C-alpha cells in the first residue's frame, strides 16, 4: 500500500460522521462526498506523527488530493516543516489546489515566526498577493496580517492591501479582516484609510463592522468608526 493510501485509511479510521455533517455546512462549494469528517485536533495529532515519517513526501507529492481532509492534513504537515525554503517550495505546489477558506486559513508555517526569515517572507507575501487566484491572495494577506502588524509593521504594508482589487468574496473578507486587525494594532496609521474611504464600500463597511466587534478597539474608537460608515 502506498503512503498516500495508508494516510487515507488513517483518516477514514478517524472519521466522525456527525462532524462531517456540521463541517459541510460551513464550507460552501465543497461536495459532501469529498469530506471524510475528521476533527481538527485529530488532524493536528496525525500531522505531528506523520511529519516524522520518512515516506511522508509521497503523500505531499500526491496532488491533487481526493478529499478535503487530505488537503487539511497536508496543510498541517506543511506548517510543521522546519526549513523555510522547503516550506515555500511545498506551499507553491500546494496553494494552487486550495479552493476554500478553511484550508487556506489553517496554513500557519511555524518557520514564518522566525525574525531571520521575515525579509524573505515579505517578498513571498508580495508574490502571493499579486496572484490572480483568490485563495493565494487571501493567504498572502493573512500572512502579512499575522506577522507584520506588530514590531515589524510599516505603513506601506497598508497600501499593499488597500491596492488589492479582486471581486472574490473571500478576498474582500480578508482585506476587511486585515484592516480591522490593523485598526486594533496600528490605529493611528490605519485610521486615515477609513477616513478617506480608500477601500471599496462593501469592504470599508465590513472593516468597520469587524473592528467594532473587536475587544481591542476602545469604546471611543468604536463610536467614531460608526460615523464613518458609507
C-alpha atoms as a PDB file:
ATOM      1  CA  UNK A   1       0.000   0.000   0.000  1.00  0.00           C
ATOM      2  CA  UNK A   2       1.338   3.452  -0.930  1.00  0.00           C
ATOM      3  CA  UNK A   3       1.960   6.117   1.704  1.00  0.00           C
ATOM      4  CA  UNK A   4      -0.936   8.185   0.318  1.00  0.00           C
ATOM      5  CA  UNK A   5      -3.296   5.195   0.543  1.00  0.00           C
ATOM      6  CA  UNK A   6      -2.129   4.455   4.099  1.00  0.00           C
ATOM      7  CA  UNK A   7      -2.754   8.071   5.099  1.00  0.00           C
ATOM      8  CA  UNK A   8      -6.243   7.951   3.603  1.00  0.00           C
ATOM      9  CA  UNK A   9      -7.042   4.802   5.571  1.00  0.00           C
ATOM     10  CA  UNK A  10      -5.856   6.526   8.757  1.00  0.00           C
ATOM     11  CA  UNK A  11      -8.182   9.440   8.006  1.00  0.00           C
ATOM     12  CA  UNK A  12     -11.186   7.180   7.493  1.00  0.00           C
ATOM     13  CA  UNK A  13     -10.351   5.428  10.767  1.00  0.00           C
ATOM     14  CA  UNK A  14     -10.721   8.854  12.430  1.00  0.00           C
ATOM     15  CA  UNK A  15     -13.999   9.699  10.678  1.00  0.00           C
ATOM     16  CA  UNK A  16     -16.767  11.333  12.695  1.00  0.00           C
ATOM     17  CA  UNK A  17     -19.946  11.334  10.583  1.00  0.00           C
ATOM     18  CA  UNK A  18     -21.786  13.861  12.744  1.00  0.00           C
ATOM     19  CA  UNK A  19     -18.823  16.231  12.484  1.00  0.00           C
ATOM     20  CA  UNK A  20     -18.789  15.742   8.708  1.00  0.00           C
ATOM     21  CA  UNK A  21     -22.383  16.961   8.515  1.00  0.00           C
ATOM     22  CA  UNK A  22     -21.552  20.008  10.618  1.00  0.00           C
ATOM     23  CA  UNK A  23     -18.396  20.739   8.626  1.00  0.00           C
ATOM     24  CA  UNK A  24     -20.111  20.604   5.246  1.00  0.00           C
ATOM     25  CA  UNK A  25     -22.474  23.383   6.310  1.00  0.00           C
ATOM     26  CA  UNK A  26     -19.510  25.690   6.938  1.00  0.00           C
ATOM     27  CA  UNK A  27     -17.733  25.181   3.624  1.00  0.00           C
ATOM     28  CA  UNK A  28     -19.858  26.250   0.663  1.00  0.00           C
ATOM     29  CA  UNK A  29     -18.997  24.647  -2.638  1.00  0.00           C
ATOM     30  CA  UNK A  30     -17.357  21.524  -1.205  1.00  0.00           C
ATOM     31  CA  UNK A  31     -19.163  18.329  -2.232  1.00  0.00           C
ATOM     32  CA  UNK A  32     -20.175  16.193   0.755  1.00  0.00           C
ATOM     33  CA  UNK A  33     -18.666  13.120  -0.874  1.00  0.00           C
ATOM     34  CA  UNK A  34     -15.285  14.845  -0.775  1.00  0.00           C
ATOM     35  CA  UNK A  35     -15.370  15.293   3.008  1.00  0.00           C
ATOM     36  CA  UNK A  36     -14.346  12.476   5.359  1.00  0.00           C
ATOM     37  CA  UNK A  37     -15.154  14.296   8.592  1.00  0.00           C
ATOM     38  CA  UNK A  38     -12.042  14.291  10.780  1.00  0.00           C
ATOM     39  CA  UNK A  39     -11.979  16.697  13.710  1.00  0.00           C
ATOM     40  CA  UNK A  40      -9.212  19.292  13.728  1.00  0.00           C
ATOM     41  CA  UNK A  41      -7.456  18.094  16.927  1.00  0.00           C
ATOM     42  CA  UNK A  42      -7.236  14.616  15.438  1.00  0.00           C
ATOM     43  CA  UNK A  43      -5.831  16.020  12.194  1.00  0.00           C
ATOM     44  CA  UNK A  44      -3.212  18.030  14.094  1.00  0.00           C
ATOM     45  CA  UNK A  45      -2.182  14.993  16.119  1.00  0.00           C
ATOM     46  CA  UNK A  46      -1.890  12.872  12.986  1.00  0.00           C
ATOM     47  CA  UNK A  47       0.174  15.577  11.280  1.00  0.00           C
ATOM     48  CA  UNK A  48       2.620  15.656  14.214  1.00  0.00           C
ATOM     49  CA  UNK A  49       3.013  11.902  13.901  1.00  0.00           C
ATOM     50  CA  UNK A  50       3.323  11.790  10.120  1.00  0.00           C
ATOM     51  CA  UNK A  51       5.766  14.677   9.774  1.00  0.00           C
ATOM     52  CA  UNK A  52       8.373  12.301  11.264  1.00  0.00           C
ATOM     53  CA  UNK A  53       7.600   9.602   8.684  1.00  0.00           C
ATOM     54  CA  UNK A  54      10.463   9.258   6.193  1.00  0.00           C
ATOM     55  CA  UNK A  55       7.991   8.465   3.407  1.00  0.00           C
ATOM     56  CA  UNK A  56       5.569  11.354   4.003  1.00  0.00           C
ATOM     57  CA  UNK A  57       6.863  13.177   0.940  1.00  0.00           C
ATOM     58  CA  UNK A  58       4.988  10.585  -1.126  1.00  0.00           C
ATOM     59  CA  UNK A  59       1.733  11.866   0.371  1.00  0.00           C
ATOM     60  CA  UNK A  60       2.742  15.523  -0.109  1.00  0.00           C
ATOM     61  CA  UNK A  61       3.543  14.794  -3.755  1.00  0.00           C
ATOM     62  CA  UNK A  62       0.101  13.281  -4.372  1.00  0.00           C
ATOM     63  CA  UNK A  63      -1.697  16.327  -5.738  1.00  0.00           C
ATOM     64  CA  UNK A  64      -4.496  16.916  -6.300  1.00  0.00           C
ATOM     65  CA  UNK A  65      -5.915  15.075  -3.310  1.00  0.00           C
ATOM     66  CA  UNK A  66      -9.355  13.496  -3.467  1.00  0.00           C
ATOM     67  CA  UNK A  67     -10.616  14.603  -0.056  1.00  0.00           C
ATOM     68  CA  UNK A  68     -10.927  17.902   1.789  1.00  0.00           C
ATOM     69  CA  UNK A  69      -9.461  16.281   4.918  1.00  0.00           C
ATOM     70  CA  UNK A  70      -6.382  15.221   2.950  1.00  0.00           C
ATOM     71  CA  UNK A  71      -5.789  18.835   1.979  1.00  0.00           C
ATOM     72  CA  UNK A  72      -6.127  19.935   5.599  1.00  0.00           C
ATOM     73  CA  UNK A  73      -3.762  17.239   6.807  1.00  0.00           C
ATOM     74  CA  UNK A  74      -1.335  18.274   4.063  1.00  0.00           C
ATOM     75  CA  UNK A  75      -1.577  21.869   5.316  1.00  0.00           C
ATOM     76  CA  UNK A  76      -0.843  20.899   8.906  1.00  0.00           C
ATOM     77  CA  UNK A  77       2.147  18.742   7.882  1.00  0.00           C
ATOM     78  CA  UNK A  78       3.466  21.540   5.693  1.00  0.00           C
ATOM     79  CA  UNK A  79       3.139  24.021   8.560  1.00  0.00           C
ATOM     80  CA  UNK A  80       5.357  21.835  10.770  1.00  0.00           C
ATOM     81  CA  UNK A  81       8.309  21.837   8.369  1.00  0.00           C
ATOM     82  CA  UNK A  82      11.404  23.493   9.845  1.00  0.00           C
ATOM     83  CA  UNK A  83      13.239  24.737   6.751  1.00  0.00           C
ATOM     84  CA  UNK A  84      11.996  27.999   5.249  1.00  0.00           C
ATOM     85  CA  UNK A  85      12.901  27.219   1.651  1.00  0.00           C
ATOM     86  CA  UNK A  86      11.282  23.801   1.868  1.00  0.00           C
ATOM     87  CA  UNK A  87       8.087  25.357   3.232  1.00  0.00           C
ATOM     88  CA  UNK A  88       7.968  27.842   0.345  1.00  0.00           C
ATOM     89  CA  UNK A  89       8.533  25.063  -2.178  1.00  0.00           C
ATOM     90  CA  UNK A  90       5.732  22.988  -0.646  1.00  0.00           C
ATOM     91  CA  UNK A  91       3.404  25.999  -0.446  1.00  0.00           C
ATOM     92  CA  UNK A  92       3.928  26.939  -4.069  1.00  0.00           C
ATOM     93  CA  UNK A  93       2.935  23.422  -5.084  1.00  0.00           C
ATOM     94  CA  UNK A  94       0.012  23.269  -2.652  1.00  0.00           C
ATOM     95  CA  UNK A  95      -1.652  26.693  -2.826  1.00  0.00           C
ATOM     96  CA  UNK A  96      -2.967  26.390  -6.427  1.00  0.00           C
ATOM     97  CA  UNK A  97      -5.155  23.495  -5.239  1.00  0.00           C
ATOM     98  CA  UNK A  98      -6.672  25.349  -2.257  1.00  0.00           C
ATOM     99  CA  UNK A  99     -10.291  26.179  -3.053  1.00  0.00           C
ATOM    100  CA  UNK A 100     -11.903  27.040   0.288  1.00  0.00           C
ATOM    101  CA  UNK A 101     -11.385  29.435   3.191  1.00  0.00           C
ATOM    102  CA  UNK A 102     -10.943  26.735   5.845  1.00  0.00           C
ATOM    103  CA  UNK A 103      -7.947  25.019   4.241  1.00  0.00           C
ATOM    104  CA  UNK A 104      -6.440  28.394   3.382  1.00  0.00           C
ATOM    105  CA  UNK A 105      -6.754  29.746   6.908  1.00  0.00           C
ATOM    106  CA  UNK A 106      -5.294  26.722   8.702  1.00  0.00           C
ATOM    107  CA  UNK A 107      -1.962  27.221   6.939  1.00  0.00           C
ATOM    108  CA  UNK A 108       0.376  28.691   9.535  1.00  0.00           C
ATOM    109  CA  UNK A 109       4.002  27.680   8.953  1.00  0.00           C
ATOM    110  CA  UNK A 110       5.957  27.845  12.198  1.00  0.00           C
ATOM    111  CA  UNK A 111       9.120  28.995  10.407  1.00  0.00           C
ATOM    112  CA  UNK A 112       7.378  32.247   9.431  1.00  0.00           C
ATOM    113  CA  UNK A 113       7.556  33.364  13.067  1.00  0.00           C
ATOM    114  CA  UNK A 114      11.338  33.485  12.982  1.00  0.00           C
ATOM    115  CA  UNK A 115      12.709  37.001  12.556  1.00  0.00           C
ATOM    116  CA  UNK A 116      15.541  35.787  10.355  1.00  0.00           C
ATOM    117  CA  UNK A 117      13.007  34.693   7.708  1.00  0.00           C
ATOM    118  CA  UNK A 118      10.985  37.922   7.598  1.00  0.00           C
ATOM    119  CA  UNK A 119      12.873  39.671   4.794  1.00  0.00           C
ATOM    120  CA  UNK A 120      12.349  36.673   2.506  1.00  0.00           C
ATOM    121  CA  UNK A 121       8.782  36.226   3.726  1.00  0.00           C
ATOM    122  CA  UNK A 122       7.843  39.777   2.727  1.00  0.00           C
ATOM    123  CA  UNK A 123       8.929  39.070  -0.831  1.00  0.00           C
ATOM    124  CA  UNK A 124       6.907  35.859  -0.916  1.00  0.00           C
ATOM    125  CA  UNK A 125       3.883  37.663   0.555  1.00  0.00           C
ATOM    126  CA  UNK A 126       4.044  40.267  -2.210  1.00  0.00           C
ATOM    127  CA  UNK A 127       4.261  37.486  -4.780  1.00  0.00           C
ATOM    128  CA  UNK A 128       1.224  35.692  -3.341  1.00  0.00           C
ATOM    129  CA  UNK A 129      -0.818  38.893  -3.119  1.00  0.00           C
ATOM    130  CA  UNK A 130      -0.040  39.572  -6.786  1.00  0.00           C
ATOM    131  CA  UNK A 131      -1.610  36.264  -7.839  1.00  0.00           C
ATOM    132  CA  UNK A 132      -4.847  36.009  -9.813  1.00  0.00           C
ATOM    133  CA  UNK A 133      -6.004  33.091  -7.647  1.00  0.00           C
ATOM    134  CA  UNK A 134      -8.280  34.226  -4.787  1.00  0.00           C
ATOM    135  CA  UNK A 135      -7.083  31.827  -2.110  1.00  0.00           C
ATOM    136  CA  UNK A 136      -3.421  32.504  -2.871  1.00  0.00           C
ATOM    137  CA  UNK A 137      -4.154  36.225  -2.465  1.00  0.00           C
ATOM    138  CA  UNK A 138      -6.063  35.529   0.751  1.00  0.00           C
ATOM    139  CA  UNK A 139      -3.159  33.502   2.119  1.00  0.00           C
ATOM    140  CA  UNK A 140      -0.700  36.293   1.328  1.00  0.00           C
ATOM    141  CA  UNK A 141      -2.825  38.899   3.113  1.00  0.00           C
ATOM    142  CA  UNK A 142      -3.268  36.627   6.108  1.00  0.00           C
ATOM    143  CA  UNK A 143       0.493  36.118   6.415  1.00  0.00           C
ATOM    144  CA  UNK A 144       1.024  39.891   6.266  1.00  0.00           C
ATOM    145  CA  UNK A 145      -1.624  40.302   8.971  1.00  0.00           C
ATOM    146  CA  UNK A 146      -0.164  37.538  11.148  1.00  0.00           C
ATOM    147  CA  UNK A 147       3.484  38.555  11.010  1.00  0.00           C
ATOM    148  CA  UNK A 148       3.746  42.245  10.116  1.00  0.00           C
ATOM    149  CA  UNK A 149       1.284  44.183  12.254  1.00  0.00           C
ATOM    150  CA  UNK A 150       3.422  44.322  15.376  1.00  0.00           C
ATOM    151  CA  UNK A 151       7.091  45.211  15.740  1.00  0.00           C
ATOM    152  CA  UNK A 152       7.790  44.612  12.035  1.00  0.00           C
ATOM    153  CA  UNK A 153       4.939  46.856  10.884  1.00  0.00           C
ATOM    154  CA  UNK A 154       5.462  49.529   8.213  1.00  0.00           C
ATOM    155  CA  UNK A 155       2.745  51.873   6.962  1.00  0.00           C
ATOM    156  CA  UNK A 156       3.444  50.892   3.360  1.00  0.00           C
ATOM    157  CA  UNK A 157       2.001  47.431   4.058  1.00  0.00           C
ATOM    158  CA  UNK A 158      -1.434  49.011   4.472  1.00  0.00           C
ATOM    159  CA  UNK A 159      -1.122  50.414   0.951  1.00  0.00           C
ATOM    160  CA  UNK A 160      -0.257  46.950  -0.393  1.00  0.00           C
ATOM    161  CA  UNK A 161      -3.521  45.516   0.895  1.00  0.00           C
ATOM    162  CA  UNK A 162      -5.624  48.563   0.010  1.00  0.00           C
ATOM    163  CA  UNK A 163      -4.428  48.243  -3.590  1.00  0.00           C
ATOM    164  CA  UNK A 164      -5.834  44.715  -3.968  1.00  0.00           C
ATOM    165  CA  UNK A 165      -8.839  44.855  -6.270  1.00  0.00           C
ATOM    166  CA  UNK A 166     -10.254  41.358  -6.567  1.00  0.00           C
ATOM    167  CA  UNK A 167     -14.005  40.647  -6.612  1.00  0.00           C
ATOM    168  CA  UNK A 168     -13.907  37.281  -4.860  1.00  0.00           C
ATOM    169  CA  UNK A 169     -15.874  37.298  -1.600  1.00  0.00           C
ATOM    170  CA  UNK A 170     -13.150  35.593   0.430  1.00  0.00           C
ATOM    171  CA  UNK A 171     -10.511  38.055  -0.778  1.00  0.00           C
ATOM    172  CA  UNK A 172     -12.679  41.035   0.177  1.00  0.00           C
ATOM    173  CA  UNK A 173     -13.390  39.451   3.554  1.00  0.00           C
ATOM    174  CA  UNK A 174      -9.666  39.013   4.183  1.00  0.00           C
ATOM    175  CA  UNK A 175      -8.960  42.634   3.228  1.00  0.00           C
ATOM    176  CA  UNK A 176     -11.605  43.695   5.760  1.00  0.00           C
ATOM    177  CA  UNK A 177     -10.173  41.332   8.382  1.00  0.00           C
ATOM    178  CA  UNK A 178      -6.689  42.734   7.758  1.00  0.00           C
ATOM    179  CA  UNK A 179      -7.791  46.365   8.154  1.00  0.00           C
ATOM    180  CA  UNK A 180      -9.916  45.604  11.217  1.00  0.00           C
ATOM    181  CA  UNK A 181      -6.901  43.929  12.833  1.00  0.00           C
ATOM    182  CA  UNK A 182      -4.697  46.813  11.741  1.00  0.00           C
ATOM    183  CA  UNK A 183      -7.093  49.243  13.433  1.00  0.00           C
ATOM    184  CA  UNK A 184      -6.720  47.224  16.632  1.00  0.00           C
ATOM    185  CA  UNK A 185      -2.930  47.102  16.451  1.00  0.00           C
ATOM    186  CA  UNK A 186      -1.903  50.198  14.489  1.00  0.00           C
ATOM    187  CA  UNK A 187      -4.900  52.507  14.900  1.00  0.00           C
ATOM    188  CA  UNK A 188      -3.215  55.839  14.139  1.00  0.00           C
ATOM    189  CA  UNK A 189      -1.617  54.612  10.914  1.00  0.00           C
ATOM    190  CA  UNK A 190      -4.697  52.725   9.735  1.00  0.00           C
ATOM    191  CA  UNK A 191      -7.483  55.188  10.518  1.00  0.00           C
ATOM    192  CA  UNK A 192      -6.760  57.514   7.545  1.00  0.00           C
ATOM    193  CA  UNK A 193      -7.605  54.654   5.141  1.00  0.00           C
ATOM    194  CA  UNK A 194     -11.066  54.539   6.714  1.00  0.00           C
ATOM    195  CA  UNK A 195     -11.484  58.308   6.995  1.00  0.00           C
ATOM    196  CA  UNK A 196     -10.512  58.800   3.342  1.00  0.00           C
ATOM    197  CA  UNK A 197     -12.671  55.807   2.305  1.00  0.00           C
ATOM    198  CA  UNK A 198      -9.838  54.199   0.361  1.00  0.00           C
ATOM    199  CA  UNK A 199     -11.428  50.747   0.406  1.00  0.00           C
ATOM    200  CA  UNK A 200     -14.372  49.620  -1.691  1.00  0.00           C
ATOM    201  CA  UNK A 201     -17.684  50.413   0.009  1.00  0.00           C
ATOM    202  CA  UNK A 202     -18.515  46.825   0.976  1.00  0.00           C
ATOM    203  CA  UNK A 203     -15.008  46.184   2.312  1.00  0.00           C
ATOM    204  CA  UNK A 204     -14.982  49.566   4.087  1.00  0.00           C
ATOM    205  CA  UNK A 205     -18.204  48.800   5.964  1.00  0.00           C
ATOM    206  CA  UNK A 206     -17.164  45.221   6.721  1.00  0.00           C
ATOM    207  CA  UNK A 207     -13.886  46.525   8.168  1.00  0.00           C
ATOM    208  CA  UNK A 208     -15.791  48.861  10.479  1.00  0.00           C
ATOM    209  CA  UNK A 209     -18.184  46.069  11.478  1.00  0.00           C
ATOM    210  CA  UNK A 210     -15.345  43.687  12.352  1.00  0.00           C
ATOM    211  CA  UNK A 211     -13.432  46.422  14.194  1.00  0.00           C
ATOM    212  CA  UNK A 212     -16.482  47.313  16.275  1.00  0.00           C
ATOM    213  CA  UNK A 213     -16.831  43.639  17.225  1.00  0.00           C
ATOM    214  CA  UNK A 214     -13.227  43.574  18.488  1.00  0.00           C
ATOM    215  CA  UNK A 215     -12.489  43.857  22.203  1.00  0.00           C
ATOM    216  CA  UNK A 216      -9.175  45.505  21.271  1.00  0.00           C
ATOM    217  CA  UNK A 217     -10.927  48.628  19.949  1.00  0.00           C
ATOM    218  CA  UNK A 218     -11.869  51.176  22.638  1.00  0.00           C
ATOM    219  CA  UNK A 219     -15.495  52.315  23.083  1.00  0.00           C
ATOM    220  CA  UNK A 220     -14.465  55.806  21.932  1.00  0.00           C
ATOM    221  CA  UNK A 221     -12.838  54.427  18.800  1.00  0.00           C
ATOM    222  CA  UNK A 222     -15.899  52.287  18.055  1.00  0.00           C
ATOM    223  CA  UNK A 223     -18.167  55.311  18.422  1.00  0.00           C
ATOM    224  CA  UNK A 224     -16.086  57.272  15.914  1.00  0.00           C
ATOM    225  CA  UNK A 225     -15.799  54.364  13.461  1.00  0.00           C
ATOM    226  CA  UNK A 226     -19.601  54.093  13.367  1.00  0.00           C
ATOM    227  CA  UNK A 227     -19.759  57.632  11.983  1.00  0.00           C
ATOM    228  CA  UNK A 228     -17.529  56.626   9.055  1.00  0.00           C
ATOM    229  CA  UNK A 229     -19.840  54.010   7.503  1.00  0.00           C
ATOM    230  CA  UNK A 230     -20.853  54.578   3.892  1.00  0.00           C
END
